[in-house]
Amino acid sequence: MFRRLTSRRSMLVGGALAVSAAGIGTALVPGSARSAKQQFAGATRRVTIYAEALPGNLVGYGLAPGQATVPGPTLEMYEGDTLEVTLVNTTTQRLSIHPHGVDYSTDSDGSPLHNSFNNPGETRTYVWRSHEMTAAAGRRFMPGSAGYWHYHDHAMGTDHGTGGVARGLYGALTVRRRGDILPDKQFTVVFNDMQINNKVAPDTPMFEANLGQRVEWTAIGHGSLFHTFHLHAHRWADNRTGMLEGPSDPSLVIDNKDLNPGSSFGFQVLAGEGVGPGAWMYHCHVQSHSDTGMAGLFLVRNADGSMPAGAQEAIDRFHGHVHNPAAHVHGG
């Protein structure tokens, strides 16, 4: 059963999988760290996802009838776990669910190539597996499944799901390594052609956290355009978690990263660390893209949840910004 906490965190107690709606944090019950030579016999978890038509010609995934969102719910597992996703297609078109970063057989690929999709009204179960890092010959290691991945439709509109992805059938898939630090809040940001989560400014999501909360971002790219993701006033290490593993960790510390079709990455930051509370922007740093609406706000409240000085005025100014093609000015 899912337990709703006052922190808006949902938890599947005692298990290795948590699922959340977009923008709502999840937490997992961590296990102990294991040697890379050990292979963990993980748990098998089951979740039912409903694909539903939404207003505005959108389509979304949801955890219950009437709860579909764009992006869909964040799905989580630990390395070694198996996730059985039962997809219920309530729409009038064929669709599927295809994952990145995990293991699956051809009948769970979610593509018409393998006749792996849901016809209208059909229910189908997809099985996703994961594994831990393992030692290999020559002092090498085979990577595990841990990472910030994503899932999406692969059957609506074309055999590659172009119609489904364009209309909002996508979401984040997080595979954790045992011992990973868990966040207080989670946000999913999808750059889908010239939109963020299928919206343009000023209607893009405003994500919120209190000063000092650990915030996990998953950034996903879709569509046919190339983007960069930039978060104001915060920075992260360009590795699996966004955190340095020690003083000699060679990972670059960045605040801007390419986010291109089919790619994804994630990281954790402490909200307002070193800069304090305020209304901070996130946006595509391709200038013509941000000018035409690929921008949103990350509101860092005071530690007690109150609104910081000047934040409401900044939010009001954001809503007054001009976001249209005419706003792009070429330098002379």
C-alpha atoms as a PDB file:
ATOM      1  CA  MET A   1       0.000   0.000   0.000  1.00  0.00           C
ATOM      2  CA  PHE A   2       1.140   3.556  -0.612  1.00  0.00           C
ATOM      3  CA  ARG A   3       1.437   5.837   2.382  1.00  0.00           C
ATOM      4  CA  ARG A   4       0.951   9.591   1.937  1.00  0.00           C
ATOM      5  CA  LEU A   5       3.130  11.719   4.215  1.00  0.00           C
ATOM      6  CA  THR A   6       2.849  15.391   5.012  1.00  0.00           C
ATOM      7  CA  SER A   7       6.112  15.940   3.107  1.00  0.00           C
ATOM      8  CA  ARG A   8       4.292  14.774  -0.068  1.00  0.00           C
ATOM      9  CA  ARG A   9       6.617  11.789  -0.136  1.00  0.00           C
ATOM     10  CA  SER A  10       5.111   8.412  -1.032  1.00  0.00           C
ATOM     11  CA  MET A  11       6.731   5.222   0.118  1.00  0.00           C
ATOM     12  CA  LEU A  12       6.292   1.541  -0.477  1.00  0.00           C
ATOM     13  CA  VAL A  13       7.374   0.399   2.963  1.00  0.00           C
ATOM     14  CA  GLY A  14       9.632  -2.625   3.181  1.00  0.00           C
ATOM     15  CA  GLY A  15      10.030  -2.999  -0.562  1.00  0.00           C
ATOM     16  CA  ALA A  16      12.419  -1.998  -3.273  1.00  0.00           C
ATOM     17  CA  LEU A  17      10.046  -0.119  -5.541  1.00  0.00           C
ATOM     18  CA  ALA A  18       8.360   3.223  -5.130  1.00  0.00           C
ATOM     19  CA  VAL A  19       6.160   4.966  -7.657  1.00  0.00           C
ATOM     20  CA  SER A  20       5.186   8.619  -7.710  1.00  0.00           C
ATOM     21  CA  ALA A  21       3.249  11.072  -9.792  1.00  0.00           C
ATOM     22  CA  ALA A  22       5.315  13.634 -11.702  1.00  0.00           C
ATOM     23  CA  GLY A  23       6.880  16.216  -9.425  1.00  0.00           C
ATOM     24  CA  ILE A  24       6.066  14.371  -6.165  1.00  0.00           C
ATOM     25  CA  GLY A  25       9.013  12.878  -4.306  1.00  0.00           C
ATOM     26  CA  THR A  26       9.370   9.179  -3.622  1.00  0.00           C
ATOM     27  CA  ALA A  27      11.541   7.332  -1.175  1.00  0.00           C
ATOM     28  CA  LEU A  28      12.863   3.797  -1.093  1.00  0.00           C
ATOM     29  CA  VAL A  29      13.820   1.693   1.875  1.00  0.00           C
ATOM     30  CA  PRO A  30      17.575   1.248   1.349  1.00  0.00           C
ATOM     31  CA  GLY A  31      19.354  -2.057   1.690  1.00  0.00           C
ATOM     32  CA  SER A  32      22.955  -2.537   2.697  1.00  0.00           C
ATOM     33  CA  ALA A  33      25.777  -1.921   0.243  1.00  0.00           C
ATOM     34  CA  ARG A  34      27.097  -5.067  -1.449  1.00  0.00           C
ATOM     35  CA  SER A  35      30.357  -6.121  -3.046  1.00  0.00           C
ATOM     36  CA  ALA A  36      30.557  -5.736  -6.818  1.00  0.00           C
ATOM     37  CA  LYS A  37      31.227  -9.491  -6.997  1.00  0.00           C
ATOM     38  CA  GLN A  38      27.922 -10.324  -5.342  1.00  0.00           C
ATOM     39  CA  GLN A  39      24.716 -10.554  -7.340  1.00  0.00           C
ATOM     40  CA  PHE A  40      21.636  -9.537  -5.392  1.00  0.00           C
ATOM     41  CA  ALA A  41      18.499 -11.652  -5.745  1.00  0.00           C
ATOM     42  CA  GLY A  42      16.120  -8.730  -5.802  1.00  0.00           C
ATOM     43  CA  ALA A  43      12.415  -8.489  -5.258  1.00  0.00           C
ATOM     44  CA  THR A  44       9.690  -8.699  -7.883  1.00  0.00           C
ATOM     45  CA  ARG A  45       7.290  -5.766  -7.729  1.00  0.00           C
ATOM     46  CA  ARG A  46       4.111  -5.151  -9.663  1.00  0.00           C
ATOM     47  CA  VAL A  47       2.450  -1.928 -10.740  1.00  0.00           C
ATOM     48  CA  THR A  48      -0.560  -1.196 -12.939  1.00  0.00           C
ATOM     49  CA  ILE A  49      -0.381   1.786 -15.295  1.00  0.00           C
ATOM     50  CA  TYR A  50      -3.405   3.247 -17.104  1.00  0.00           C
ATOM     51  CA  ALA A  51      -2.958   5.019 -20.447  1.00  0.00           C
ATOM     52  CA  GLU A  52      -5.675   7.642 -20.839  1.00  0.00           C
ATOM     53  CA  ALA A  53      -6.670  10.452 -23.158  1.00  0.00           C
ATOM     54  CA  LEU A  54      -6.314  13.897 -21.580  1.00  0.00           C
ATOM     55  CA  PRO A  55      -7.631  17.348 -22.501  1.00  0.00           C
ATOM     56  CA  GLY A  56      -5.710  19.295 -25.122  1.00  0.00           C
ATOM     57  CA  ASN A  57      -5.120  16.236 -27.340  1.00  0.00           C
ATOM     58  CA  LEU A  58      -2.681  14.827 -24.771  1.00  0.00           C
ATOM     59  CA  VAL A  59      -2.343  11.237 -23.582  1.00  0.00           C
ATOM     60  CA  GLY A  60      -0.789  10.228 -20.276  1.00  0.00           C
ATOM     61  CA  TYR A  61       0.126   7.330 -18.015  1.00  0.00           C
ATOM     62  CA  GLY A  62      -1.362   7.095 -14.503  1.00  0.00           C
ATOM     63  CA  LEU A  63      -1.376   4.819 -11.465  1.00  0.00           C
ATOM     64  CA  ALA A  64      -5.172   4.618 -11.321  1.00  0.00           C
ATOM     65  CA  PRO A  65      -8.122   5.387 -13.604  1.00  0.00           C
ATOM     66  CA  GLY A  66      -8.519   9.134 -13.959  1.00  0.00           C
ATOM     67  CA  GLN A  67      -5.008   9.883 -12.616  1.00  0.00           C
ATOM     68  CA  ALA A  68      -2.977  10.088 -15.834  1.00  0.00           C
ATOM     69  CA  THR A  69      -0.413  12.903 -15.949  1.00  0.00           C
ATOM     70  CA  VAL A  70       2.200  14.314 -18.306  1.00  0.00           C
ATOM     71  CA  PRO A  71       4.875  13.195 -17.507  1.00  0.00           C
ATOM     72  CA  GLY A  72       3.649   9.869 -16.179  1.00  0.00           C
ATOM     73  CA  PRO A  73       4.497   8.521 -12.721  1.00  0.00           C
ATOM     74  CA  THR A  74       8.129   8.013 -11.788  1.00  0.00           C
ATOM     75  CA  LEU A  75       8.898   4.287 -11.577  1.00  0.00           C
ATOM     76  CA  GLU A  76      11.704   3.141  -9.289  1.00  0.00           C
ATOM     77  CA  MET A  77      13.573  -0.043  -8.502  1.00  0.00           C
ATOM     78  CA  TYR A  78      16.849  -1.170  -6.966  1.00  0.00           C
ATOM     79  CA  GLU A  79      19.488  -3.015  -8.971  1.00  0.00           C
ATOM     80  CA  GLY A  80      18.567  -6.694  -8.934  1.00  0.00           C
ATOM     81  CA  ASP A  81      14.818  -6.080  -8.803  1.00  0.00           C
ATOM     82  CA  THR A  82      12.224  -7.064 -11.377  1.00  0.00           C
ATOM     83  CA  LEU A  83       9.335  -4.763 -12.181  1.00  0.00           C
ATOM     84  CA  GLU A  84       6.148  -6.153 -13.757  1.00  0.00           C
ATOM     85  CA  VAL A  85       4.251  -3.298 -15.396  1.00  0.00           C
ATOM     86  CA  THR A  86       0.654  -4.088 -16.323  1.00  0.00           C
ATOM     87  CA  LEU A  87      -0.439  -1.503 -18.880  1.00  0.00           C
ATOM     88  CA  VAL A  88      -4.163  -0.866 -19.390  1.00  0.00           C
ATOM     89  CA  ASN A  89      -4.930   0.909 -22.658  1.00  0.00           C
ATOM     90  CA  THR A  90      -8.131   2.904 -22.224  1.00  0.00           C
ATOM     91  CA  THR A  91      -7.632   4.857 -25.474  1.00  0.00           C
ATOM     92  CA  THR A  92      -8.863   4.240 -29.010  1.00  0.00           C
ATOM     93  CA  GLN A  93      -5.341   3.810 -30.424  1.00  0.00           C
ATOM     94  CA  ARG A  94      -2.639   1.194 -30.059  1.00  0.00           C
ATOM     95  CA  LEU A  95       0.184   2.118 -27.671  1.00  0.00           C
ATOM     96  CA  SER A  96       2.830   0.558 -25.457  1.00  0.00           C
ATOM     97  CA  ILE A  97       5.434   1.234 -22.788  1.00  0.00           C
ATOM     98  CA  HIS A  98       9.119   0.900 -23.678  1.00  0.00           C
ATOM     99  CA  PRO A  99      11.919   1.299 -21.082  1.00  0.00           C
ATOM    100  CA  HIS A 100      15.495   2.534 -21.306  1.00  0.00           C
ATOM    101  CA  GLY A 101      18.375   1.205 -19.220  1.00  0.00           C
ATOM    102  CA  VAL A 102      16.883  -2.071 -17.940  1.00  0.00           C
ATOM    103  CA  ASP A 103      16.747  -5.667 -19.172  1.00  0.00           C
ATOM    104  CA  TYR A 104      13.745  -7.197 -20.948  1.00  0.00           C
ATOM    105  CA  SER A 105      12.819  -9.883 -23.462  1.00  0.00           C
ATOM    106  CA  THR A 106      11.447  -9.166 -26.917  1.00  0.00           C
ATOM    107  CA  ASP A 107       7.842  -9.632 -25.788  1.00  0.00           C
ATOM    108  CA  SER A 108       8.352  -6.790 -23.278  1.00  0.00           C
ATOM    109  CA  ASP A 109      10.143  -4.500 -25.729  1.00  0.00           C
ATOM    110  CA  GLY A 110       7.034  -2.395 -26.283  1.00  0.00           C
ATOM    111  CA  SER A 111       7.576  -2.088 -30.023  1.00  0.00           C
ATOM    112  CA  PRO A 112       5.567  -3.186 -33.090  1.00  0.00           C
ATOM    113  CA  LEU A 113       8.769  -4.854 -34.338  1.00  0.00           C
ATOM    114  CA  HIS A 114       8.104  -7.626 -31.812  1.00  0.00           C
ATOM    115  CA  ASN A 115       4.312  -7.311 -31.852  1.00  0.00           C
ATOM    116  CA  SER A 116       4.724  -5.974 -28.314  1.00  0.00           C
ATOM    117  CA  PHE A 117       2.025  -3.360 -27.741  1.00  0.00           C
ATOM    118  CA  ASN A 118      -1.527  -2.843 -26.447  1.00  0.00           C
ATOM    119  CA  ASN A 119      -4.380  -2.594 -28.890  1.00  0.00           C
ATOM    120  CA  PRO A 120      -7.256  -0.267 -27.895  1.00  0.00           C
ATOM    121  CA  GLY A 121      -8.862  -1.576 -24.712  1.00  0.00           C
ATOM    122  CA  GLU A 122      -6.175  -4.227 -24.228  1.00  0.00           C
ATOM    123  CA  THR A 123      -4.264  -5.019 -21.017  1.00  0.00           C
ATOM    124  CA  ARG A 124      -0.699  -6.335 -21.278  1.00  0.00           C
ATOM    125  CA  THR A 125       2.087  -7.002 -18.775  1.00  0.00           C
ATOM    126  CA  TYR A 126       5.661  -5.934 -19.505  1.00  0.00           C
ATOM    127  CA  VAL A 127       8.516  -7.373 -17.430  1.00  0.00           C
ATOM    128  CA  TRP A 128      11.600  -5.234 -16.742  1.00  0.00           C
ATOM    129  CA  ARG A 129      14.634  -6.672 -14.966  1.00  0.00           C
ATOM    130  CA  SER A 130      17.750  -5.050 -13.521  1.00  0.00           C
ATOM    131  CA  HIS A 131      21.128  -6.239 -12.306  1.00  0.00           C
ATOM    132  CA  GLU A 132      24.033  -5.128 -10.153  1.00  0.00           C
ATOM    133  CA  MET A 133      27.574  -4.378 -11.257  1.00  0.00           C
ATOM    134  CA  THR A 134      29.642  -7.557 -11.591  1.00  0.00           C
ATOM    135  CA  ALA A 135      33.373  -8.256 -11.666  1.00  0.00           C
ATOM    136  CA  ALA A 136      34.770  -9.381 -15.022  1.00  0.00           C
ATOM    137  CA  ALA A 137      38.110 -10.663 -16.249  1.00  0.00           C
ATOM    138  CA  GLY A 138      41.063  -8.325 -16.512  1.00  0.00           C
ATOM    139  CA  ARG A 139      40.243  -6.215 -13.442  1.00  0.00           C
ATOM    140  CA  ARG A 140      37.211  -4.858 -15.202  1.00  0.00           C
ATOM    141  CA  PHE A 141      33.599  -4.495 -14.121  1.00  0.00           C
ATOM    142  CA  MET A 142      30.414  -4.887 -16.091  1.00  0.00           C
ATOM    143  CA  PRO A 143      28.061  -1.992 -15.304  1.00  0.00           C
ATOM    144  CA  GLY A 144      24.823  -2.512 -13.449  1.00  0.00           C
ATOM    145  CA  SER A 145      21.458  -0.981 -14.253  1.00  0.00           C
ATOM    146  CA  ALA A 146      21.637   1.973 -11.860  1.00  0.00           C
ATOM    147  CA  GLY A 147      20.859   5.293 -13.497  1.00  0.00           C
ATOM    148  CA  TYR A 148      18.275   7.908 -14.330  1.00  0.00           C
ATOM    149  CA  TRP A 149      16.416   6.358 -17.254  1.00  0.00           C
ATOM    150  CA  HIS A 150      12.991   6.813 -18.780  1.00  0.00           C
ATOM    151  CA  TYR A 151      10.073   5.033 -20.427  1.00  0.00           C
ATOM    152  CA  HIS A 152       7.775   6.023 -23.275  1.00  0.00           C
ATOM    153  CA  ASP A 153       5.291   4.814 -25.868  1.00  0.00           C
ATOM    154  CA  HIS A 154       6.665   3.033 -28.933  1.00  0.00           C
ATOM    155  CA  ALA A 155       3.532   2.255 -30.927  1.00  0.00           C
ATOM    156  CA  MET A 156       1.128   5.203 -31.267  1.00  0.00           C
ATOM    157  CA  GLY A 157       1.086   7.056 -34.568  1.00  0.00           C
ATOM    158  CA  THR A 158       4.058   5.220 -36.086  1.00  0.00           C
ATOM    159  CA  ASP A 159       5.992   2.032 -35.368  1.00  0.00           C
ATOM    160  CA  HIS A 160       8.313   4.201 -33.263  1.00  0.00           C
ATOM    161  CA  GLY A 161       5.591   5.802 -31.136  1.00  0.00           C
ATOM    162  CA  THR A 162       6.173   9.291 -32.508  1.00  0.00           C
ATOM    163  CA  GLY A 163       2.542  10.236 -31.965  1.00  0.00           C
ATOM    164  CA  GLY A 164       2.433   8.936 -28.410  1.00  0.00           C
ATOM    165  CA  VAL A 165       5.651  10.665 -27.363  1.00  0.00           C
ATOM    166  CA  ALA A 166       4.503  13.944 -28.924  1.00  0.00           C
ATOM    167  CA  ARG A 167       1.241  13.770 -26.960  1.00  0.00           C
ATOM    168  CA  GLY A 168       2.774  13.015 -23.546  1.00  0.00           C
ATOM    169  CA  LEU A 169       3.260   9.261 -23.152  1.00  0.00           C
ATOM    170  CA  TYR A 170       6.538   9.309 -21.249  1.00  0.00           C
ATOM    171  CA  GLY A 171       7.939   9.273 -17.711  1.00  0.00           C
ATOM    172  CA  ALA A 172      11.041   8.758 -15.561  1.00  0.00           C
ATOM    173  CA  LEU A 173      12.508   5.392 -14.583  1.00  0.00           C
ATOM    174  CA  THR A 174      15.031   5.432 -11.728  1.00  0.00           C
ATOM    175  CA  VAL A 175      17.204   2.422 -10.896  1.00  0.00           C
ATOM    176  CA  ARG A 176      19.067   2.890  -7.629  1.00  0.00           C
ATOM    177  CA  ARG A 177      22.192   1.252  -6.318  1.00  0.00           C
ATOM    178  CA  ARG A 178      21.819  -0.045  -2.788  1.00  0.00           C
ATOM    179  CA  GLY A 179      23.165   2.545  -0.381  1.00  0.00           C
ATOM    180  CA  ASP A 180      22.289   5.527  -2.589  1.00  0.00           C
ATOM    181  CA  ILE A 181      21.186   8.652  -0.762  1.00  0.00           C
ATOM    182  CA  LEU A 182      17.438   9.147  -1.103  1.00  0.00           C
ATOM    183  CA  PRO A 183      15.872  12.526  -1.919  1.00  0.00           C
ATOM    184  CA  ASP A 184      13.212  14.541  -0.150  1.00  0.00           C
ATOM    185  CA  LYS A 185      11.691  15.724  -3.440  1.00  0.00           C
ATOM    186  CA  GLN A 186      11.775  14.496  -7.051  1.00  0.00           C
ATOM    187  CA  PHE A 187      11.119  16.469 -10.218  1.00  0.00           C
ATOM    188  CA  THR A 188      10.852  15.260 -13.811  1.00  0.00           C
ATOM    189  CA  VAL A 189      11.611  17.709 -16.615  1.00  0.00           C
ATOM    190  CA  VAL A 190      11.021  16.612 -20.217  1.00  0.00           C
ATOM    191  CA  PHE A 191      12.190  18.743 -23.129  1.00  0.00           C
ATOM    192  CA  ASN A 192       9.819  17.556 -25.867  1.00  0.00           C
ATOM    193  CA  ASP A 193      10.516  19.506 -29.052  1.00  0.00           C
ATOM    194  CA  MET A 194       9.792  23.143 -28.053  1.00  0.00           C
ATOM    195  CA  GLN A 195       7.883  22.325 -24.862  1.00  0.00           C
ATOM    196  CA  ILE A 196       8.628  21.381 -21.259  1.00  0.00           C
ATOM    197  CA  ASN A 197       6.341  18.587 -20.059  1.00  0.00           C
ATOM    198  CA  ASN A 198       4.215  19.487 -23.101  1.00  0.00           C
ATOM    199  CA  LYS A 199       3.729  23.055 -21.897  1.00  0.00           C
ATOM    200  CA  VAL A 200       5.296  26.418 -22.705  1.00  0.00           C
ATOM    201  CA  ALA A 201       6.014  29.351 -20.397  1.00  0.00           C
ATOM    202  CA  PRO A 202       4.429  30.754 -18.361  1.00  0.00           C
ATOM    203  CA  ASP A 203       2.425  27.521 -17.958  1.00  0.00           C
ATOM    204  CA  THR A 204       5.460  25.281 -17.444  1.00  0.00           C
ATOM    205  CA  PRO A 205       5.761  23.538 -14.060  1.00  0.00           C
ATOM    206  CA  MET A 206       6.908  25.495 -11.025  1.00  0.00           C
ATOM    207  CA  PHE A 207       8.704  23.018  -8.797  1.00  0.00           C
ATOM    208  CA  GLU A 208       8.959  23.771  -5.074  1.00  0.00           C
ATOM    209  CA  ALA A 209      11.210  22.751  -2.193  1.00  0.00           C
ATOM    210  CA  ASN A 210      12.225  24.189   1.152  1.00  0.00           C
ATOM    211  CA  LEU A 211      15.721  25.502   1.791  1.00  0.00           C
ATOM    212  CA  GLY A 212      18.108  22.613   2.451  1.00  0.00           C
ATOM    213  CA  GLN A 213      15.873  19.821   1.163  1.00  0.00           C
ATOM    214  CA  ARG A 214      17.575  17.226  -1.012  1.00  0.00           C
ATOM    215  CA  VAL A 215      16.039  17.519  -4.469  1.00  0.00           C
ATOM    216  CA  GLU A 216      16.437  14.972  -7.239  1.00  0.00           C
ATOM    217  CA  TRP A 217      15.994  16.048 -10.852  1.00  0.00           C
ATOM    218  CA  THR A 218      15.458  13.713 -13.792  1.00  0.00           C
ATOM    219  CA  ALA A 219      15.869  15.413 -17.164  1.00  0.00           C
ATOM    220  CA  ILE A 220      14.625  13.667 -20.318  1.00  0.00           C
ATOM    221  CA  GLY A 221      14.779  14.612 -23.989  1.00  0.00           C
ATOM    222  CA  HIS A 222      12.188  13.746 -26.651  1.00  0.00           C
ATOM    223  CA  GLY A 223      11.135  14.913 -30.085  1.00  0.00           C
ATOM    224  CA  SER A 224      13.439  15.978 -32.918  1.00  0.00           C
ATOM    225  CA  LEU A 225      15.316  18.989 -31.531  1.00  0.00           C
ATOM    226  CA  PHE A 226      18.554  19.398 -29.601  1.00  0.00           C
ATOM    227  CA  HIS A 227      18.509  21.185 -26.246  1.00  0.00           C
ATOM    228  CA  THR A 228      20.558  22.048 -23.190  1.00  0.00           C
ATOM    229  CA  PHE A 229      19.244  21.924 -19.614  1.00  0.00           C
ATOM    230  CA  HIS A 230      20.318  24.725 -17.268  1.00  0.00           C
ATOM    231  CA  LEU A 231      19.394  25.209 -13.602  1.00  0.00           C
ATOM    232  CA  HIS A 232      20.058  28.622 -12.095  1.00  0.00           C
ATOM    233  CA  ALA A 233      22.180  28.967  -8.920  1.00  0.00           C
ATOM    234  CA  HIS A 234      22.690  25.204  -8.440  1.00  0.00           C
ATOM    235  CA  ARG A 235      25.349  22.837  -9.710  1.00  0.00           C
ATOM    236  CA  TRP A 236      26.040  19.112  -9.758  1.00  0.00           C
ATOM    237  CA  ALA A 237      28.742  16.577 -10.634  1.00  0.00           C
ATOM    238  CA  ASP A 238      28.458  15.116 -14.128  1.00  0.00           C
ATOM    239  CA  ASN A 239      28.232  11.487 -13.057  1.00  0.00           C
ATOM    240  CA  ARG A 240      25.553   8.958 -12.134  1.00  0.00           C
ATOM    241  CA  THR A 241      24.224  10.717  -9.018  1.00  0.00           C
ATOM    242  CA  GLY A 242      25.321  14.324  -9.374  1.00  0.00           C
ATOM    243  CA  MET A 243      27.421  14.048  -6.201  1.00  0.00           C
ATOM    244  CA  LEU A 244      31.200  13.751  -5.867  1.00  0.00           C
ATOM    245  CA  GLU A 245      32.385  10.496  -4.324  1.00  0.00           C
ATOM    246  CA  GLY A 246      35.500  12.023  -2.740  1.00  0.00           C
ATOM    247  CA  PRO A 247      38.092  14.811  -3.039  1.00  0.00           C
ATOM    248  CA  SER A 248      39.807  13.013  -5.967  1.00  0.00           C
ATOM    249  CA  ASP A 249      36.626  12.345  -7.951  1.00  0.00           C
ATOM    250  CA  PRO A 250      37.428  13.655 -11.476  1.00  0.00           C
ATOM    251  CA  SER A 251      33.790  14.354 -12.388  1.00  0.00           C
ATOM    252  CA  LEU A 252      33.235  17.839 -13.761  1.00  0.00           C
ATOM    253  CA  VAL A 253      30.939  20.093 -11.748  1.00  0.00           C
ATOM    254  CA  ILE A 254      28.382  21.638 -14.096  1.00  0.00           C
ATOM    255  CA  ASP A 255      25.111  23.585 -14.176  1.00  0.00           C
ATOM    256  CA  ASN A 256      24.250  23.014 -17.843  1.00  0.00           C
ATOM    257  CA  LYS A 257      24.097  19.793 -19.878  1.00  0.00           C
ATOM    258  CA  ASP A 258      22.961  18.675 -23.324  1.00  0.00           C
ATOM    259  CA  LEU A 259      19.523  17.097 -23.326  1.00  0.00           C
ATOM    260  CA  ASN A 260      18.840  15.568 -26.706  1.00  0.00           C
ATOM    261  CA  PRO A 261      16.154  13.248 -28.102  1.00  0.00           C
ATOM    262  CA  GLY A 262      16.173   9.940 -26.243  1.00  0.00           C
ATOM    263  CA  SER A 263      18.746  11.024 -23.658  1.00  0.00           C
ATOM    264  CA  SER A 264      18.257  11.335 -19.926  1.00  0.00           C
ATOM    265  CA  PHE A 265      20.279  12.154 -16.836  1.00  0.00           C
ATOM    266  CA  GLY A 266      19.641  12.899 -13.193  1.00  0.00           C
ATOM    267  CA  PHE A 267      21.276  14.502 -10.208  1.00  0.00           C
ATOM    268  CA  GLN A 268      20.661  15.635  -6.648  1.00  0.00           C
ATOM    269  CA  VAL A 269      21.154  19.096  -5.190  1.00  0.00           C
ATOM    270  CA  LEU A 270      20.402  20.729  -1.857  1.00  0.00           C
ATOM    271  CA  ALA A 271      17.789  23.398  -2.502  1.00  0.00           C
ATOM    272  CA  GLY A 272      19.296  26.863  -2.178  1.00  0.00           C
ATOM    273  CA  GLU A 273      22.703  25.592  -1.030  1.00  0.00           C
ATOM    274  CA  GLY A 274      25.129  28.500  -0.983  1.00  0.00           C
ATOM    275  CA  VAL A 275      22.624  30.891  -2.580  1.00  0.00           C
ATOM    276  CA  GLY A 276      19.594  30.889  -0.307  1.00  0.00           C
ATOM    277  CA  PRO A 277      15.888  30.737  -1.068  1.00  0.00           C
ATOM    278  CA  GLY A 278      14.283  32.392  -4.076  1.00  0.00           C
ATOM    279  CA  ALA A 279      12.571  31.808  -7.405  1.00  0.00           C
ATOM    280  CA  TRP A 280      15.262  30.282  -9.640  1.00  0.00           C
ATOM    281  CA  MET A 281      14.820  29.530 -13.315  1.00  0.00           C
ATOM    282  CA  TYR A 282      15.429  26.267 -15.165  1.00  0.00           C
ATOM    283  CA  HIS A 283      15.372  26.435 -18.953  1.00  0.00           C
ATOM    284  CA  CYS A 284      16.796  25.336 -22.276  1.00  0.00           C
ATOM    285  CA  HIS A 285      19.962  27.328 -22.916  1.00  0.00           C
ATOM    286  CA  VAL A 286      19.464  27.356 -26.673  1.00  0.00           C
ATOM    287  CA  GLN A 287      18.537  31.036 -26.707  1.00  0.00           C
ATOM    288  CA  SER A 288      15.794  30.844 -29.332  1.00  0.00           C
ATOM    289  CA  HIS A 289      14.217  27.986 -27.369  1.00  0.00           C
ATOM    290  CA  SER A 290      14.128  29.801 -24.034  1.00  0.00           C
ATOM    291  CA  ASP A 291      12.819  32.931 -25.768  1.00  0.00           C
ATOM    292  CA  THR A 292       9.878  30.968 -27.156  1.00  0.00           C
ATOM    293  CA  GLY A 293       8.784  29.369 -23.883  1.00  0.00           C
ATOM    294  CA  MET A 294      11.201  26.639 -22.804  1.00  0.00           C
ATOM    295  CA  ALA A 295      11.624  27.989 -19.274  1.00  0.00           C
ATOM    296  CA  GLY A 296      10.186  27.326 -15.822  1.00  0.00           C
ATOM    297  CA  LEU A 297      10.715  28.112 -12.145  1.00  0.00           C
ATOM    298  CA  PHE A 298      12.265  26.302  -9.192  1.00  0.00           C
ATOM    299  CA  LEU A 299      10.860  27.972  -6.084  1.00  0.00           C
ATOM    300  CA  VAL A 300      13.077  27.450  -3.050  1.00  0.00           C
ATOM    301  CA  ARG A 301      11.044  28.489  -0.025  1.00  0.00           C
ATOM    302  CA  ASN A 302      12.444  29.370   3.377  1.00  0.00           C
ATOM    303  CA  ALA A 303      13.281  26.398   5.587  1.00  0.00           C
ATOM    304  CA  ASP A 304       9.935  26.761   7.374  1.00  0.00           C
ATOM    305  CA  GLY A 305       8.034  26.713   4.059  1.00  0.00           C
ATOM    306  CA  SER A 306       7.268  30.419   3.977  1.00  0.00           C
ATOM    307  CA  MET A 307       7.694  32.526   0.857  1.00  0.00           C
ATOM    308  CA  PRO A 308      11.113  34.258   0.687  1.00  0.00           C
ATOM    309  CA  ALA A 309      11.367  37.983   0.173  1.00  0.00           C
ATOM    310  CA  GLY A 310      11.078  38.979  -3.462  1.00  0.00           C
ATOM    311  CA  ALA A 311      10.044  35.535  -4.701  1.00  0.00           C
ATOM    312  CA  GLN A 312       6.407  36.384  -5.453  1.00  0.00           C
ATOM    313  CA  GLU A 313       7.503  39.470  -7.378  1.00  0.00           C
ATOM    314  CA  ALA A 314       9.888  37.316  -9.441  1.00  0.00           C
ATOM    315  CA  ILE A 315       7.093  34.816 -10.143  1.00  0.00           C
ATOM    316  CA  ASP A 316       4.851  37.664 -11.276  1.00  0.00           C
ATOM    317  CA  ARG A 317       7.574  38.989 -13.568  1.00  0.00           C
ATOM    318  CA  PHE A 318       8.045  35.502 -15.050  1.00  0.00           C
ATOM    319  CA  HIS A 319       4.347  35.367 -15.855  1.00  0.00           C
ATOM    320  CA  GLY A 320       4.692  38.737 -17.541  1.00  0.00           C
ATOM    321  CA  HIS A 321       7.615  37.684 -19.764  1.00  0.00           C
ATOM    322  CA  VAL A 322       7.049  37.627 -23.514  1.00  0.00           C
ATOM    323  CA  HIS A 323       7.546  34.093 -24.837  1.00  0.00           C
ATOM    324  CA  ASN A 324       6.980  33.931 -28.577  1.00  0.00           C
ATOM    325  CA  PRO A 325       9.058  33.745 -31.782  1.00  0.00           C
ATOM    326  CA  ALA A 326       9.093  37.541 -32.095  1.00  0.00           C
ATOM    327  CA  ALA A 327      10.952  37.756 -28.784  1.00  0.00           C
ATOM    328  CA  HIS A 328      14.117  36.317 -30.305  1.00  0.00           C
ATOM    329  CA  VAL A 329      16.495  39.135 -31.175  1.00  0.00           C
ATOM    330  CA  HIS A 330      19.585  38.522 -33.321  1.00  0.00           C
ATOM    331  CA  GLY A 331      22.670  40.463 -32.297  1.00  0.00           C
ATOM    332  CA  GLY A 332      23.988  42.973 -34.802  1.00  0.00           C
END
